[in-house]
């Protein structure tokens, strides 16, 4: 079975653009409970699963010293390395 591409890989085909990733980060920050979010050209991702699967983001997200910018960067990294589902 072929491995699904990471979100980062989808930038090269323009199926995903920077604004799409920013919207997913915003959605996660607004509601961090699990749930799929549609983004890009026909993809879905669960940002809560992406964050939980990314060791740095998972550790950093609850640190009291982490400011909003650092949290956003960690969530973004987790989303970029996740493998979204094509719908």
PDB file of N, CA and C in Angstrom:
ATOM      1  N   UNK A   1       0.846  -1.178   0.000  1.00  0.00           N
ATOM      2  CA  UNK A   1       0.000   0.000   0.000  1.00  0.00           C
ATOM      3  C   UNK A   1       0.890   1.238   0.000  1.00  0.00           C
ATOM      4  N   UNK A   2       0.596   2.157  -0.888  1.00  0.00           N
ATOM      5  CA  UNK A   2       1.401   3.369  -0.998  1.00  0.00           C
ATOM      6  C   UNK A   2       1.121   4.302   0.174  1.00  0.00           C
ATOM      7  N   UNK A   3       2.170   4.936   0.622  1.00  0.00           N
ATOM      8  CA  UNK A   3       2.046   5.890   1.725  1.00  0.00           C
ATOM      9  C   UNK A   3       1.423   7.183   1.202  1.00  0.00           C
ATOM     10  N   UNK A   4       0.513   7.744   1.982  1.00  0.00           N
ATOM     11  CA  UNK A   4      -0.089   9.020   1.598  1.00  0.00           C
ATOM     12  C   UNK A   4       0.955  10.123   1.722  1.00  0.00           C
ATOM     13  N   UNK A   5       0.860  11.149   0.883  1.00  0.00           N
ATOM     14  CA  UNK A   5       1.814  12.256   0.991  1.00  0.00           C
ATOM     15  C   UNK A   5       1.561  13.081   2.245  1.00  0.00           C
ATOM     16  N   UNK A   6       2.625  13.670   2.744  1.00  0.00           N
ATOM     17  CA  UNK A   6       2.500  14.609   3.855  1.00  0.00           C
ATOM     18  C   UNK A   6       1.911  15.913   3.320  1.00  0.00           C
ATOM     19  N   UNK A   7       1.357  16.707   4.206  1.00  0.00           N
ATOM     20  CA  UNK A   7       0.828  18.013   3.816  1.00  0.00           C
ATOM     21  C   UNK A   7       1.905  18.820   3.108  1.00  0.00           C
ATOM     22  N   UNK A   8       3.116  18.776   3.622  1.00  0.00           N
ATOM     23  CA  UNK A   8       4.227  19.514   3.028  1.00  0.00           C
ATOM     24  C   UNK A   8       4.443  19.129   1.568  1.00  0.00           C
ATOM     25  N   UNK A   9       4.281  17.850   1.235  1.00  0.00           N
ATOM     26  CA  UNK A   9       4.452  17.385  -0.144  1.00  0.00           C
ATOM     27  C   UNK A   9       3.405  17.985  -1.079  1.00  0.00           C
ATOM     28  N   UNK A  10       2.238  18.289  -0.543  1.00  0.00           N
ATOM     29  CA  UNK A  10       1.140  18.793  -1.367  1.00  0.00           C
ATOM     30  C   UNK A  10       1.326  20.248  -1.776  1.00  0.00           C
ATOM     31  N   UNK A  11       2.307  20.932  -1.193  1.00  0.00           N
ATOM     32  CA  UNK A  11       2.621  22.295  -1.615  1.00  0.00           C
ATOM     33  C   UNK A  11       3.169  22.296  -3.038  1.00  0.00           C
ATOM     34  N   UNK A  12       3.913  21.271  -3.405  1.00  0.00           N
ATOM     35  CA  UNK A  12       4.527  21.240  -4.736  1.00  0.00           C
ATOM     36  C   UNK A  12       3.496  21.106  -5.846  1.00  0.00           C
ATOM     37  N   UNK A  13       2.367  20.491  -5.552  1.00  0.00           N
ATOM     38  CA  UNK A  13       1.305  20.325  -6.547  1.00  0.00           C
ATOM     39  C   UNK A  13       0.248  21.422  -6.440  1.00  0.00           C
ATOM     40  N   UNK A  14       0.405  22.306  -5.475  1.00  0.00           N
ATOM     41  CA  UNK A  14      -0.529  23.396  -5.185  1.00  0.00           C
ATOM     42  C   UNK A  14      -1.912  22.901  -4.771  1.00  0.00           C
ATOM     43  N   UNK A  15      -1.989  21.636  -4.331  1.00  0.00           N
ATOM     44  CA  UNK A  15      -3.235  21.137  -3.757  1.00  0.00           C
ATOM     45  C   UNK A  15      -3.472  21.787  -2.400  1.00  0.00           C
ATOM     46  N   UNK A  16      -2.406  22.188  -1.758  1.00  0.00           N
ATOM     47  CA  UNK A  16      -2.441  22.866  -0.467  1.00  0.00           C
ATOM     48  C   UNK A  16      -1.575  24.115  -0.595  1.00  0.00           C
ATOM     49  N   UNK A  17      -2.068  25.235  -0.069  1.00  0.00           N
ATOM     50  CA  UNK A  17      -1.273  26.466  -0.037  1.00  0.00           C
ATOM     51  C   UNK A  17      -1.173  26.940   1.413  1.00  0.00           C
ATOM     52  N   UNK A  18      -0.330  27.915   1.634  1.00  0.00           N
ATOM     53  CA  UNK A  18      -0.056  28.385   2.992  1.00  0.00           C
ATOM     54  C   UNK A  18      -1.323  28.815   3.738  1.00  0.00           C
ATOM     55  N   UNK A  19      -2.227  29.484   3.050  1.00  0.00           N
ATOM     56  CA  UNK A  19      -3.470  29.920   3.703  1.00  0.00           C
ATOM     57  C   UNK A  19      -4.299  28.737   4.191  1.00  0.00           C
ATOM     58  N   UNK A  20      -4.243  27.611   3.467  1.00  0.00           N
ATOM     59  CA  UNK A  20      -4.971  26.407   3.892  1.00  0.00           C
ATOM     60  C   UNK A  20      -4.440  25.900   5.229  1.00  0.00           C
ATOM     61  N   UNK A  21      -3.127  25.856   5.352  1.00  0.00           N
ATOM     62  CA  UNK A  21      -2.509  25.380   6.590  1.00  0.00           C
ATOM     63  C   UNK A  21      -2.820  26.350   7.731  1.00  0.00           C
ATOM     64  N   UNK A  22      -2.746  27.636   7.456  1.00  0.00           N
ATOM     65  CA  UNK A  22      -3.074  28.629   8.487  1.00  0.00           C
ATOM     66  C   UNK A  22      -4.511  28.469   8.972  1.00  0.00           C
ATOM     67  N   UNK A  23      -5.426  28.153   8.065  1.00  0.00           N
ATOM     68  CA  UNK A  23      -6.826  27.954   8.453  1.00  0.00           C
ATOM     69  C   UNK A  23      -6.984  26.735   9.360  1.00  0.00           C
ATOM     70  N   UNK A  24      -6.218  25.679   9.093  1.00  0.00           N
ATOM     71  CA  UNK A  24      -6.279  24.486   9.950  1.00  0.00           C
ATOM     72  C   UNK A  24      -5.702  24.799  11.330  1.00  0.00           C
ATOM     73  N   UNK A  25      -4.614  25.550  11.374  1.00  0.00           N
ATOM     74  CA  UNK A  25      -4.036  25.968  12.661  1.00  0.00           C
ATOM     75  C   UNK A  25      -5.066  26.788  13.440  1.00  0.00           C
ATOM     76  N   UNK A  26      -5.712  27.731  12.768  1.00  0.00           N
ATOM     77  CA  UNK A  26      -6.737  28.549  13.426  1.00  0.00           C
ATOM     78  C   UNK A  26      -7.882  27.688  13.952  1.00  0.00           C
ATOM     79  N   UNK A  27      -8.298  26.707  13.155  1.00  0.00           N
ATOM     80  CA  UNK A  27      -9.389  25.816  13.578  1.00  0.00           C
ATOM     81  C   UNK A  27      -8.996  25.038  14.825  1.00  0.00           C
ATOM     82  N   UNK A  28      -7.760  24.549  14.865  1.00  0.00           N
ATOM     83  CA  UNK A  28      -7.300  23.800  16.036  1.00  0.00           C
ATOM     84  C   UNK A  28      -7.230  24.699  17.271  1.00  0.00           C
ATOM     85  N   UNK A  29      -6.718  25.908  17.108  1.00  0.00           N
ATOM     86  CA  UNK A  29      -6.621  26.822  18.246  1.00  0.00           C
ATOM     87  C   UNK A  29      -8.006  27.218  18.762  1.00  0.00           C
ATOM     88  N   UNK A  30      -8.979  27.315  17.870  1.00  0.00           N
ATOM     89  CA  UNK A  30     -10.338  27.659  18.278  1.00  0.00           C
ATOM     90  C   UNK A  30     -11.026  26.506  18.994  1.00  0.00           C
ATOM     91  N   UNK A  31     -10.709  25.267  18.570  1.00  0.00           N
ATOM     92  CA  UNK A  31     -11.333  24.081  19.166  1.00  0.00           C
ATOM     93  C   UNK A  31     -10.386  22.895  19.010  1.00  0.00           C
ATOM     94  N   UNK A  32      -9.595  22.593  20.043  1.00  0.00           N
ATOM     95  CA  UNK A  32      -8.596  21.520  19.936  1.00  0.00           C
ATOM     96  C   UNK A  32      -9.146  20.099  20.076  1.00  0.00           C
ATOM     97  N   UNK A  33     -10.461  19.951  20.131  1.00  0.00           N
ATOM     98  CA  UNK A  33     -11.011  18.595  20.221  1.00  0.00           C
ATOM     99  C   UNK A  33     -10.867  17.896  18.875  1.00  0.00           C
ATOM    100  N   UNK A  34     -10.766  16.564  18.894  1.00  0.00           N
ATOM    101  CA  UNK A  34     -10.598  15.828  17.638  1.00  0.00           C
ATOM    102  C   UNK A  34     -11.762  16.051  16.671  1.00  0.00           C
ATOM    103  N   UNK A  35     -11.415  16.088  15.410  1.00  0.00           N
ATOM    104  CA  UNK A  35     -12.408  16.250  14.350  1.00  0.00           C
ATOM    105  C   UNK A  35     -11.730  16.662  13.061  1.00  0.00           C
ATOM    106  N   UNK A  36     -12.213  16.136  11.959  1.00  0.00           N
ATOM    107  CA  UNK A  36     -11.612  16.434  10.661  1.00  0.00           C
ATOM    108  C   UNK A  36     -11.981  17.828  10.183  1.00  0.00           C
ATOM    109  N   UNK A  37     -11.033  18.434   9.485  1.00  0.00           N
ATOM    110  CA  UNK A  37     -11.209  19.757   8.903  1.00  0.00           C
ATOM    111  C   UNK A  37     -10.892  19.640   7.418  1.00  0.00           C
ATOM    112  N   UNK A  38     -11.780  20.146   6.576  1.00  0.00           N
ATOM    113  CA  UNK A  38     -11.519  20.164   5.134  1.00  0.00           C
ATOM    114  C   UNK A  38     -10.549  21.303   4.833  1.00  0.00           C
ATOM    115  N   UNK A  39      -9.613  21.032   3.937  1.00  0.00           N
ATOM    116  CA  UNK A  39      -8.691  22.099   3.538  1.00  0.00           C
ATOM    117  C   UNK A  39      -8.087  21.772   2.188  1.00  0.00           C
ATOM    118  N   UNK A  40      -7.552  22.810   1.549  1.00  0.00           N
ATOM    119  CA  UNK A  40      -6.920  22.620   0.257  1.00  0.00           C
ATOM    120  C   UNK A  40      -7.905  22.174  -0.805  1.00  0.00           C
ATOM    121  N   UNK A  41      -7.359  21.545  -1.820  1.00  0.00           N
ATOM    122  CA  UNK A  41      -8.149  21.076  -2.953  1.00  0.00           C
ATOM    123  C   UNK A  41      -8.539  19.620  -2.744  1.00  0.00           C
ATOM    124  N   UNK A  42      -9.532  19.403  -1.862  1.00  0.00           N
ATOM    125  CA  UNK A  42     -10.064  18.059  -1.673  1.00  0.00           C
ATOM    126  C   UNK A  42      -9.365  17.211  -0.631  1.00  0.00           C
ATOM    127  N   UNK A  43      -8.921  17.818   0.463  1.00  0.00           N
ATOM    128  CA  UNK A  43      -8.259  17.067   1.525  1.00  0.00           C
ATOM    129  C   UNK A  43      -8.932  17.329   2.864  1.00  0.00           C
ATOM    130  N   UNK A  44      -8.751  16.390   3.783  1.00  0.00           N
ATOM    131  CA  UNK A  44      -9.228  16.513   5.163  1.00  0.00           C
ATOM    132  C   UNK A  44      -8.088  16.107   6.086  1.00  0.00           C
ATOM    133  N   UNK A  45      -8.070  16.749   7.249  1.00  0.00           N
ATOM    134  CA  UNK A  45      -7.065  16.413   8.251  1.00  0.00           C
ATOM    135  C   UNK A  45      -7.675  16.626   9.632  1.00  0.00           C
ATOM    136  N   UNK A  46      -7.241  15.845  10.580  1.00  0.00           N
ATOM    137  CA  UNK A  46      -7.648  16.042  11.971  1.00  0.00           C
ATOM    138  C   UNK A  46      -6.457  16.672  12.678  1.00  0.00           C
ATOM    139  N   UNK A  47      -6.492  17.985  12.920  1.00  0.00           N
ATOM    140  CA  UNK A  47      -5.335  18.637  13.529  1.00  0.00           C
ATOM    141  C   UNK A  47      -5.027  18.126  14.932  1.00  0.00           C
ATOM    142  N   UNK A  48      -6.040  17.673  15.666  1.00  0.00           N
ATOM    143  CA  UNK A  48      -5.789  17.136  17.012  1.00  0.00           C
ATOM    144  C   UNK A  48      -4.958  15.863  16.932  1.00  0.00           C
ATOM    145  N   UNK A  49      -5.231  15.025  15.947  1.00  0.00           N
ATOM    146  CA  UNK A  49      -4.442  13.801  15.749  1.00  0.00           C
ATOM    147  C   UNK A  49      -3.031  14.166  15.296  1.00  0.00           C
ATOM    148  N   UNK A  50      -2.920  15.157  14.412  1.00  0.00           N
ATOM    149  CA  UNK A  50      -1.599  15.589  13.942  1.00  0.00           C
ATOM    150  C   UNK A  50      -0.744  16.081  15.105  1.00  0.00           C
ATOM    151  N   UNK A  51      -1.325  16.888  15.977  1.00  0.00           N
ATOM    152  CA  UNK A  51      -0.584  17.407  17.137  1.00  0.00           C
ATOM    153  C   UNK A  51      -0.215  16.272  18.085  1.00  0.00           C
ATOM    154  N   UNK A  52      -1.149  15.371  18.346  1.00  0.00           N
ATOM    155  CA  UNK A  52      -0.882  14.249  19.254  1.00  0.00           C
ATOM    156  C   UNK A  52       0.198  13.320  18.709  1.00  0.00           C
ATOM    157  N   UNK A  53       0.340  13.265  17.382  1.00  0.00           N
ATOM    158  CA  UNK A  53       1.327  12.379  16.751  1.00  0.00           C
ATOM    159  C   UNK A  53       2.707  13.016  16.625  1.00  0.00           C
ATOM    160  N   UNK A  54       2.803  14.300  16.889  1.00  0.00           N
ATOM    161  CA  UNK A  54       4.057  15.036  16.721  1.00  0.00           C
ATOM    162  C   UNK A  54       4.655  15.285  18.107  1.00  0.00           C
ATOM    163  N   UNK A  55       5.774  14.632  18.453  1.00  0.00           N
ATOM    164  CA  UNK A  55       6.315  14.717  19.818  1.00  0.00           C
ATOM    165  C   UNK A  55       6.571  16.144  20.311  1.00  0.00           C
ATOM    166  N   UNK A  56       7.147  16.993  19.474  1.00  0.00           N
ATOM    167  CA  UNK A  56       7.445  18.357  19.911  1.00  0.00           C
ATOM    168  C   UNK A  56       6.159  19.141  20.163  1.00  0.00           C
ATOM    169  N   UNK A  57       5.229  19.078  19.216  1.00  0.00           N
ATOM    170  CA  UNK A  57       3.970  19.811  19.375  1.00  0.00           C
ATOM    171  C   UNK A  57       3.194  19.305  20.583  1.00  0.00           C
ATOM    172  N   UNK A  58       3.146  17.997  20.741  1.00  0.00           N
ATOM    173  CA  UNK A  58       2.413  17.395  21.860  1.00  0.00           C
ATOM    174  C   UNK A  58       2.976  17.875  23.199  1.00  0.00           C
ATOM    175  N   UNK A  59       4.292  17.979  23.295  1.00  0.00           N
ATOM    176  CA  UNK A  59       4.935  18.415  24.533  1.00  0.00           C
ATOM    177  C   UNK A  59       4.768  19.919  24.750  1.00  0.00           C
ATOM    178  N   UNK A  60       4.952  20.679  23.698  1.00  0.00           N
ATOM    179  CA  UNK A  60       4.970  22.134  23.826  1.00  0.00           C
ATOM    180  C   UNK A  60       3.589  22.741  24.054  1.00  0.00           C
ATOM    181  N   UNK A  61       2.574  22.164  23.488  1.00  0.00           N
ATOM    182  CA  UNK A  61       1.254  22.786  23.458  1.00  0.00           C
ATOM    183  C   UNK A  61       0.719  23.145  24.845  1.00  0.00           C
ATOM    184  N   UNK A  62       1.057  22.381  25.857  1.00  0.00           N
ATOM    185  CA  UNK A  62       0.540  22.635  27.204  1.00  0.00           C
ATOM    186  C   UNK A  62       1.529  23.333  28.129  1.00  0.00           C
ATOM    187  N   UNK A  63       2.664  23.746  27.615  1.00  0.00           N
ATOM    188  CA  UNK A  63       3.655  24.411  28.451  1.00  0.00           C
ATOM    189  C   UNK A  63       3.216  25.841  28.753  1.00  0.00           C
ATOM    190  N   UNK A  64       3.199  26.239  30.012  1.00  0.00           N
ATOM    191  CA  UNK A  64       2.742  27.587  30.360  1.00  0.00           C
ATOM    192  C   UNK A  64       3.652  28.691  29.817  1.00  0.00           C
ATOM    193  N   UNK A  65       4.902  28.386  29.570  1.00  0.00           N
ATOM    194  CA  UNK A  65       5.837  29.397  29.085  1.00  0.00           C
ATOM    195  C   UNK A  65       5.758  29.590  27.574  1.00  0.00           C
ATOM    196  N   UNK A  66       5.060  28.700  26.870  1.00  0.00           N
ATOM    197  CA  UNK A  66       4.971  28.787  25.407  1.00  0.00           C
ATOM    198  C   UNK A  66       3.950  29.857  25.018  1.00  0.00           C
ATOM    199  N   UNK A  67       4.411  30.853  24.267  1.00  0.00           N
ATOM    200  CA  UNK A  67       3.488  31.900  23.839  1.00  0.00           C
ATOM    201  C   UNK A  67       2.686  31.434  22.618  1.00  0.00           C
ATOM    202  N   UNK A  68       1.753  32.250  22.201  1.00  0.00           N
ATOM    203  CA  UNK A  68       0.868  31.888  21.092  1.00  0.00           C
ATOM    204  C   UNK A  68       1.643  31.636  19.804  1.00  0.00           C
ATOM    205  N   UNK A  69       2.647  32.449  19.533  1.00  0.00           N
ATOM    206  CA  UNK A  69       3.437  32.269  18.316  1.00  0.00           C
ATOM    207  C   UNK A  69       4.158  30.935  18.288  1.00  0.00           C
ATOM    208  N   UNK A  70       4.714  30.543  19.417  1.00  0.00           N
ATOM    209  CA  UNK A  70       5.411  29.261  19.498  1.00  0.00           C
ATOM    210  C   UNK A  70       4.430  28.101  19.362  1.00  0.00           C
ATOM    211  N   UNK A  71       3.276  28.235  19.988  1.00  0.00           N
ATOM    212  CA  UNK A  71       2.246  27.189  19.859  1.00  0.00           C
ATOM    213  C   UNK A  71       1.794  27.060  18.402  1.00  0.00           C
ATOM    214  N   UNK A  72       1.568  28.192  17.743  1.00  0.00           N
ATOM    215  CA  UNK A  72       1.156  28.171  16.329  1.00  0.00           C
ATOM    216  C   UNK A  72       2.210  27.476  15.477  1.00  0.00           C
ATOM    217  N   UNK A  73       3.476  27.770  15.723  1.00  0.00           N
ATOM    218  CA  UNK A  73       4.555  27.155  14.945  1.00  0.00           C
ATOM    219  C   UNK A  73       4.598  25.644  15.163  1.00  0.00           C
ATOM    220  N   UNK A  74       4.396  25.203  16.387  1.00  0.00           N
ATOM    221  CA  UNK A  74       4.411  23.766  16.683  1.00  0.00           C
ATOM    222  C   UNK A  74       3.226  23.060  16.031  1.00  0.00           C
ATOM    223  N   UNK A  75       2.057  23.675  16.095  1.00  0.00           N
ATOM    224  CA  UNK A  75       0.870  23.092  15.465  1.00  0.00           C
ATOM    225  C   UNK A  75       1.063  23.039  13.956  1.00  0.00           C
ATOM    226  N   UNK A  76       1.598  24.105  13.393  1.00  0.00           N
ATOM    227  CA  UNK A  76       1.861  24.153  11.947  1.00  0.00           C
ATOM    228  C   UNK A  76       2.822  23.041  11.532  1.00  0.00           C
ATOM    229  N   UNK A  77       3.884  22.845  12.295  1.00  0.00           N
ATOM    230  CA  UNK A  77       4.842  21.780  11.979  1.00  0.00           C
ATOM    231  C   UNK A  77       4.155  20.419  12.003  1.00  0.00           C
ATOM    232  N   UNK A  78       3.310  20.201  12.996  1.00  0.00           N
ATOM    233  CA  UNK A  78       2.597  18.923  13.095  1.00  0.00           C
ATOM    234  C   UNK A  78       1.690  18.714  11.889  1.00  0.00           C
ATOM    235  N   UNK A  79       1.013  19.753  11.461  1.00  0.00           N
ATOM    236  CA  UNK A  79       0.109  19.649  10.309  1.00  0.00           C
ATOM    237  C   UNK A  79       0.894  19.415   9.025  1.00  0.00           C
ATOM    238  N   UNK A  80       2.017  20.107   8.862  1.00  0.00           N
ATOM    239  CA  UNK A  80       2.827  19.935   7.655  1.00  0.00           C
ATOM    240  C   UNK A  80       3.395  18.526   7.533  1.00  0.00           C
ATOM    241  N   UNK A  81       3.665  17.882   8.661  1.00  0.00           N
ATOM    242  CA  UNK A  81       4.236  16.534   8.634  1.00  0.00           C
ATOM    243  C   UNK A  81       3.178  15.433   8.663  1.00  0.00           C
ATOM    244  N   UNK A  82       1.929  15.818   8.851  1.00  0.00           N
ATOM    245  CA  UNK A  82       0.841  14.833   8.873  1.00  0.00           C
ATOM    246  C   UNK A  82       0.484  14.404   7.447  1.00  0.00           C
ATOM    247  N   UNK A  83      -0.262  13.313   7.363  1.00  0.00           N
ATOM    248  CA  UNK A  83      -0.687  12.767   6.067  1.00  0.00           C
ATOM    249  C   UNK A  83      -2.198  12.940   5.920  1.00  0.00           C
ATOM    250  N   UNK A  84      -2.623  14.028   5.265  1.00  0.00           N
ATOM    251  CA  UNK A  84      -4.057  14.265   5.130  1.00  0.00           C
ATOM    252  C   UNK A  84      -4.723  13.228   4.223  1.00  0.00           C
ATOM    253  N   UNK A  85      -6.018  13.124   4.381  1.00  0.00           N
ATOM    254  CA  UNK A  85      -6.809  12.182   3.593  1.00  0.00           C
ATOM    255  C   UNK A  85      -7.432  12.925   2.411  1.00  0.00           C
ATOM    256  N   UNK A  86      -7.364  12.317   1.236  1.00  0.00           N
ATOM    257  CA  UNK A  86      -8.034  12.902   0.068  1.00  0.00           C
ATOM    258  C   UNK A  86      -9.504  12.521   0.135  1.00  0.00           C
ATOM    259  N   UNK A  87     -10.375  13.504  -0.124  1.00  0.00           N
ATOM    260  CA  UNK A  87     -11.823  13.229  -0.109  1.00  0.00           C
ATOM    261  C   UNK A  87     -12.413  13.365  -1.492  1.00  0.00           C
TER     262      UNK A  87
END
